[in-house]
Amino acid sequence: MIQGILNQVQLTWRLMFDQRIPAWQKAIVIVPIIYVLSPFDFIPDFVLGLGQLDDIGLVLAAMRLFESVVPEYIVQEHRSNLSSGRSQAPTSNGYHPEERERMNG
């Protein structure tokens, strides 16, 4: 379970810096982080354990939602690079071949 969370964080981190992903999609992750850092809270943090769990759950759900709206080939590219230990290498001209085809006609 912890390894799954760490993998999700690594994947999200890489996707956040991929220039092919529009800012509105990246906001899916940023907005919940702002909520966690803000003084407003649905379940106050002084409720031991429960207050922190809602924050963690919200951020994890946002990361999963973010992953689901990013085109699958981009997610798979980053997953493949993570599993093989490769650094984040951009594709030719920063675009996947399928993406270049859509842009060119």
N, C-alpha and C. Protein backbone atom coordinates (compact mmCIF):
# COMPACT_ATOMS: atom_id res chain seq x y z
N MET A 1 0.82 -1.19 0.00
CA MET A 1 0.00 0.00 0.00
C MET A 1 0.87 1.26 0.00
N ILE A 2 1.88 1.28 0.87
CA ILE A 2 2.76 2.46 0.93
C ILE A 2 3.52 2.61 -0.38
N GLN A 3 3.96 1.46 -0.93
CA GLN A 3 4.69 1.52 -2.21
C GLN A 3 3.78 2.04 -3.30
N GLY A 4 2.50 1.66 -3.28
CA GLY A 4 1.54 2.16 -4.26
C GLY A 4 1.36 3.66 -4.16
N ILE A 5 1.32 4.18 -2.93
CA ILE A 5 1.19 5.63 -2.73
C ILE A 5 2.44 6.34 -3.22
N LEU A 6 3.61 5.78 -2.92
CA LEU A 6 4.86 6.39 -3.39
C LEU A 6 4.94 6.39 -4.92
N ASN A 7 4.50 5.30 -5.54
CA ASN A 7 4.47 5.24 -7.01
C ASN A 7 3.53 6.29 -7.58
N GLN A 8 2.37 6.46 -6.94
CA GLN A 8 1.40 7.46 -7.41
C GLN A 8 1.99 8.86 -7.29
N VAL A 9 2.67 9.15 -6.19
CA VAL A 9 3.30 10.46 -6.00
C VAL A 9 4.37 10.70 -7.06
N GLN A 10 5.20 9.69 -7.33
CA GLN A 10 6.23 9.84 -8.36
C GLN A 10 5.62 10.09 -9.73
N LEU A 11 4.59 9.33 -10.07
CA LEU A 11 3.93 9.50 -11.36
C LEU A 11 3.32 10.89 -11.48
N THR A 12 2.63 11.32 -10.43
CA THR A 12 2.01 12.65 -10.45
C THR A 12 3.07 13.73 -10.58
N TRP A 13 4.16 13.59 -9.86
CA TRP A 13 5.25 14.57 -9.92
C TRP A 13 5.76 14.70 -11.35
N ARG A 14 6.00 13.58 -12.02
CA ARG A 14 6.50 13.60 -13.40
C ARG A 14 5.48 14.23 -14.35
N LEU A 15 4.21 13.87 -14.16
CA LEU A 15 3.16 14.41 -15.03
C LEU A 15 3.01 15.92 -14.86
N MET A 16 3.21 16.40 -13.64
CA MET A 16 3.08 17.85 -13.38
C MET A 16 4.10 18.66 -14.18
N PHE A 17 5.23 18.06 -14.52
CA PHE A 17 6.27 18.78 -15.26
C PHE A 17 6.28 18.46 -16.75
N ASP A 18 5.31 17.68 -17.20
CA ASP A 18 5.20 17.35 -18.63
C ASP A 18 4.50 18.51 -19.33
N GLN A 19 5.17 19.13 -20.28
CA GLN A 19 4.64 20.31 -20.96
C GLN A 19 3.49 20.00 -21.90
N ARG A 20 3.24 18.74 -22.18
CA ARG A 20 2.12 18.37 -23.05
C ARG A 20 0.79 18.40 -22.32
N ILE A 21 0.83 18.50 -21.01
CA ILE A 21 -0.39 18.48 -20.20
C ILE A 21 -0.79 19.92 -19.88
N PRO A 22 -2.01 20.32 -20.21
CA PRO A 22 -2.44 21.70 -19.98
C PRO A 22 -2.57 22.04 -18.49
N ALA A 23 -2.45 23.32 -18.20
CA ALA A 23 -2.49 23.81 -16.82
C ALA A 23 -3.80 23.48 -16.12
N TRP A 24 -4.93 23.49 -16.85
CA TRP A 24 -6.21 23.21 -16.19
C TRP A 24 -6.23 21.80 -15.63
N GLN A 25 -5.55 20.86 -16.28
CA GLN A 25 -5.50 19.50 -15.76
C GLN A 25 -4.59 19.44 -14.53
N LYS A 26 -3.51 20.19 -14.56
CA LYS A 26 -2.58 20.21 -13.42
C LYS A 26 -3.23 20.85 -12.20
N ALA A 27 -4.20 21.73 -12.43
CA ALA A 27 -4.90 22.37 -11.32
C ALA A 27 -5.67 21.35 -10.47
N ILE A 28 -6.00 20.20 -11.04
CA ILE A 28 -6.69 19.14 -10.31
C ILE A 28 -5.86 18.71 -9.10
N VAL A 29 -4.54 18.77 -9.21
CA VAL A 29 -3.66 18.40 -8.11
C VAL A 29 -3.35 19.61 -7.23
N ILE A 30 -3.20 20.76 -7.84
CA ILE A 30 -2.78 21.95 -7.11
C ILE A 30 -3.86 22.46 -6.14
N VAL A 31 -5.10 22.47 -6.57
CA VAL A 31 -6.18 23.00 -5.73
C VAL A 31 -6.31 22.24 -4.40
N PRO A 32 -6.32 20.91 -4.39
CA PRO A 32 -6.40 20.22 -3.09
C PRO A 32 -5.19 20.48 -2.19
N ILE A 33 -4.02 20.66 -2.78
CA ILE A 33 -2.84 20.97 -1.96
C ILE A 33 -3.00 22.34 -1.30
N ILE A 34 -3.57 23.29 -2.04
CA ILE A 34 -3.84 24.61 -1.45
C ILE A 34 -4.85 24.46 -0.31
N TYR A 35 -5.87 23.61 -0.50
CA TYR A 35 -6.86 23.37 0.55
C TYR A 35 -6.18 22.80 1.81
N VAL A 36 -5.28 21.84 1.62
CA VAL A 36 -4.59 21.22 2.76
C VAL A 36 -3.77 22.25 3.52
N LEU A 37 -3.15 23.18 2.79
CA LEU A 37 -2.30 24.19 3.43
C LEU A 37 -3.10 25.35 4.01
N SER A 38 -4.36 25.48 3.61
CA SER A 38 -5.17 26.60 4.10
C SER A 38 -5.69 26.32 5.51
N PRO A 39 -6.08 27.36 6.24
CA PRO A 39 -6.61 27.15 7.60
C PRO A 39 -8.02 26.55 7.60
N PHE A 40 -8.75 26.63 6.48
CA PHE A 40 -10.10 26.06 6.39
C PHE A 40 -10.00 24.54 6.28
N ASP A 41 -10.87 23.82 6.97
CA ASP A 41 -10.83 22.36 6.93
C ASP A 41 -12.22 21.80 7.19
N PHE A 42 -12.64 20.80 6.40
CA PHE A 42 -13.94 20.16 6.63
C PHE A 42 -13.93 19.39 7.95
N ILE A 43 -12.87 18.63 8.19
CA ILE A 43 -12.70 17.93 9.46
C ILE A 43 -11.47 18.54 10.12
N PRO A 44 -11.63 19.28 11.20
CA PRO A 44 -10.50 19.97 11.83
C PRO A 44 -9.37 19.01 12.20
N ASP A 45 -8.14 19.48 12.04
CA ASP A 45 -6.97 18.65 12.31
C ASP A 45 -6.82 18.31 13.79
N PHE A 46 -7.49 19.05 14.67
CA PHE A 46 -7.38 18.72 16.09
C PHE A 46 -8.14 17.43 16.44
N VAL A 47 -9.00 16.96 15.52
CA VAL A 47 -9.63 15.65 15.70
C VAL A 47 -8.57 14.63 15.31
N LEU A 48 -7.87 14.10 16.31
CA LEU A 48 -6.67 13.29 16.07
C LEU A 48 -6.88 12.20 15.03
N GLY A 49 -6.02 12.18 14.07
CA GLY A 49 -6.04 11.16 13.03
C GLY A 49 -7.04 11.43 11.93
N LEU A 50 -8.28 11.68 12.29
CA LEU A 50 -9.33 11.87 11.30
C LEU A 50 -9.10 13.13 10.47
N GLY A 51 -8.65 14.19 11.10
CA GLY A 51 -8.40 15.45 10.40
C GLY A 51 -7.30 15.32 9.36
N GLN A 52 -6.29 14.52 9.66
CA GLN A 52 -5.21 14.33 8.70
C GLN A 52 -5.62 13.35 7.59
N LEU A 53 -6.44 12.37 7.94
CA LEU A 53 -6.87 11.38 6.95
C LEU A 53 -7.70 12.01 5.83
N ASP A 54 -8.55 12.97 6.15
CA ASP A 54 -9.34 13.59 5.08
C ASP A 54 -8.43 14.38 4.15
N ASP A 55 -7.39 15.01 4.68
CA ASP A 55 -6.44 15.74 3.82
C ASP A 55 -5.69 14.78 2.90
N ILE A 56 -5.19 13.69 3.46
CA ILE A 56 -4.45 12.70 2.67
C ILE A 56 -5.35 12.09 1.61
N GLY A 57 -6.57 11.72 2.01
CA GLY A 57 -7.52 11.13 1.07
C GLY A 57 -7.85 12.06 -0.08
N LEU A 58 -8.02 13.33 0.24
CA LEU A 58 -8.34 14.31 -0.80
C LEU A 58 -7.20 14.45 -1.81
N VAL A 59 -5.98 14.52 -1.32
CA VAL A 59 -4.82 14.66 -2.22
C VAL A 59 -4.64 13.40 -3.06
N LEU A 60 -4.77 12.23 -2.45
CA LEU A 60 -4.65 10.98 -3.21
C LEU A 60 -5.74 10.86 -4.26
N ALA A 61 -6.96 11.23 -3.92
CA ALA A 61 -8.06 11.19 -4.89
C ALA A 61 -7.80 12.15 -6.04
N ALA A 62 -7.25 13.32 -5.73
CA ALA A 62 -6.94 14.30 -6.77
C ALA A 62 -5.85 13.77 -7.70
N MET A 63 -4.86 13.08 -7.14
CA MET A 63 -3.80 12.52 -7.99
C MET A 63 -4.37 11.47 -8.93
N ARG A 64 -5.29 10.63 -8.43
CA ARG A 64 -5.91 9.60 -9.28
C ARG A 64 -6.79 10.23 -10.37
N LEU A 65 -7.54 11.26 -9.99
CA LEU A 65 -8.38 11.96 -10.97
C LEU A 65 -7.50 12.61 -12.04
N PHE A 66 -6.43 13.25 -11.62
CA PHE A 66 -5.48 13.87 -12.55
C PHE A 66 -4.95 12.83 -13.53
N GLU A 67 -4.54 11.69 -13.02
CA GLU A 67 -4.03 10.62 -13.87
C GLU A 67 -5.09 10.16 -14.88
N SER A 68 -6.35 10.16 -14.46
CA SER A 68 -7.41 9.67 -15.35
C SER A 68 -7.75 10.65 -16.47
N VAL A 69 -7.48 11.95 -16.31
CA VAL A 69 -7.79 12.92 -17.36
C VAL A 69 -6.62 13.15 -18.32
N VAL A 70 -5.42 12.73 -17.91
CA VAL A 70 -4.25 12.86 -18.79
C VAL A 70 -4.34 11.76 -19.85
N PRO A 71 -4.00 12.08 -21.11
CA PRO A 71 -4.04 11.03 -22.15
C PRO A 71 -3.24 9.79 -21.73
N GLU A 72 -3.83 8.64 -21.98
CA GLU A 72 -3.27 7.37 -21.51
C GLU A 72 -1.84 7.14 -22.01
N TYR A 73 -1.53 7.53 -23.24
CA TYR A 73 -0.19 7.27 -23.76
C TYR A 73 0.86 8.07 -22.99
N ILE A 74 0.50 9.24 -22.48
CA ILE A 74 1.44 10.03 -21.70
C ILE A 74 1.67 9.37 -20.34
N VAL A 75 0.58 8.91 -19.72
CA VAL A 75 0.69 8.22 -18.43
C VAL A 75 1.55 6.96 -18.59
N GLN A 76 1.28 6.18 -19.64
CA GLN A 76 2.04 4.94 -19.87
C GLN A 76 3.52 5.23 -20.14
N GLU A 77 3.81 6.31 -20.84
CA GLU A 77 5.20 6.70 -21.11
C GLU A 77 5.93 6.94 -19.78
N HIS A 78 5.29 7.67 -18.88
CA HIS A 78 5.91 7.97 -17.59
C HIS A 78 6.00 6.73 -16.71
N ARG A 79 4.96 5.90 -16.73
CA ARG A 79 5.01 4.65 -15.95
C ARG A 79 6.15 3.76 -16.44
N SER A 80 6.30 3.67 -17.73
CA SER A 80 7.37 2.85 -18.31
C SER A 80 8.74 3.37 -17.89
N ASN A 81 8.90 4.69 -17.96
CA ASN A 81 10.18 5.28 -17.57
C ASN A 81 10.44 5.07 -16.08
N LEU A 82 9.41 5.15 -15.25
CA LEU A 82 9.57 4.92 -13.82
C LEU A 82 9.98 3.48 -13.53
N SER A 83 9.33 2.53 -14.20
CA SER A 83 9.62 1.12 -13.93
C SER A 83 11.01 0.72 -14.44
N SER A 84 11.50 1.40 -15.48
CA SER A 84 12.83 1.06 -15.99
C SER A 84 13.92 1.93 -15.37
N GLY A 85 13.51 2.88 -14.53
CA GLY A 85 14.49 3.74 -13.86
C GLY A 85 15.05 4.84 -14.73
N ARG A 86 14.42 5.08 -15.89
CA ARG A 86 14.91 6.14 -16.78
C ARG A 86 14.43 7.50 -16.32
N SER A 87 15.23 8.49 -16.66
CA SER A 87 14.83 9.86 -16.34
C SER A 87 13.73 10.28 -17.31
N GLN A 88 13.16 11.40 -17.05
CA GLN A 88 12.06 11.90 -17.86
C GLN A 88 12.61 12.42 -19.17
N ALA A 89 12.58 11.60 -20.19
CA ALA A 89 13.10 11.98 -21.50
C ALA A 89 11.96 12.41 -22.41
N PRO A 90 12.00 13.63 -22.95
CA PRO A 90 10.93 14.06 -23.84
C PRO A 90 10.99 13.30 -25.16
N THR A 91 9.85 13.16 -25.80
CA THR A 91 9.80 12.55 -27.11
C THR A 91 10.27 13.58 -28.14
N SER A 92 10.41 13.18 -29.35
CA SER A 92 10.87 14.07 -30.41
C SER A 92 9.99 15.32 -30.49
N ASN A 93 10.58 16.48 -30.43
CA ASN A 93 9.89 17.77 -30.45
C ASN A 93 8.92 17.93 -29.27
N GLY A 94 9.06 17.08 -28.24
CA GLY A 94 8.20 17.19 -27.07
C GLY A 94 6.82 16.60 -27.26
N TYR A 95 6.54 15.97 -28.42
CA TYR A 95 5.22 15.42 -28.67
C TYR A 95 5.30 13.95 -29.02
N HIS A 96 4.33 13.20 -28.58
CA HIS A 96 4.20 11.79 -28.91
C HIS A 96 3.80 11.71 -30.39
N PRO A 97 4.23 10.65 -31.11
CA PRO A 97 3.86 10.53 -32.54
C PRO A 97 2.36 10.64 -32.80
N GLU A 98 1.52 10.04 -31.94
CA GLU A 98 0.06 10.15 -32.13
C GLU A 98 -0.39 11.60 -31.98
N GLU A 99 0.24 12.31 -31.08
CA GLU A 99 -0.13 13.70 -30.86
C GLU A 99 0.27 14.56 -32.06
N ARG A 100 1.44 14.28 -32.64
CA ARG A 100 1.88 15.03 -33.83
C ARG A 100 0.91 14.79 -34.98
N GLU A 101 0.44 13.55 -35.14
CA GLU A 101 -0.51 13.24 -36.20
C GLU A 101 -1.80 14.04 -36.04
N ARG A 102 -2.31 14.11 -34.82
CA ARG A 102 -3.54 14.87 -34.58
C ARG A 102 -3.32 16.35 -34.88
N MET A 103 -2.14 16.87 -34.55
CA MET A 103 -1.87 18.30 -34.76
C MET A 103 -1.69 18.62 -36.23
N ASN A 104 -1.14 17.67 -37.00
CA ASN A 104 -0.83 17.92 -38.40
C ASN A 104 -1.98 17.58 -39.34
N GLY A 105 -3.01 17.00 -38.81
CA GLY A 105 -4.11 16.80 -39.73
C GLY A 105 -4.82 15.56 -39.51
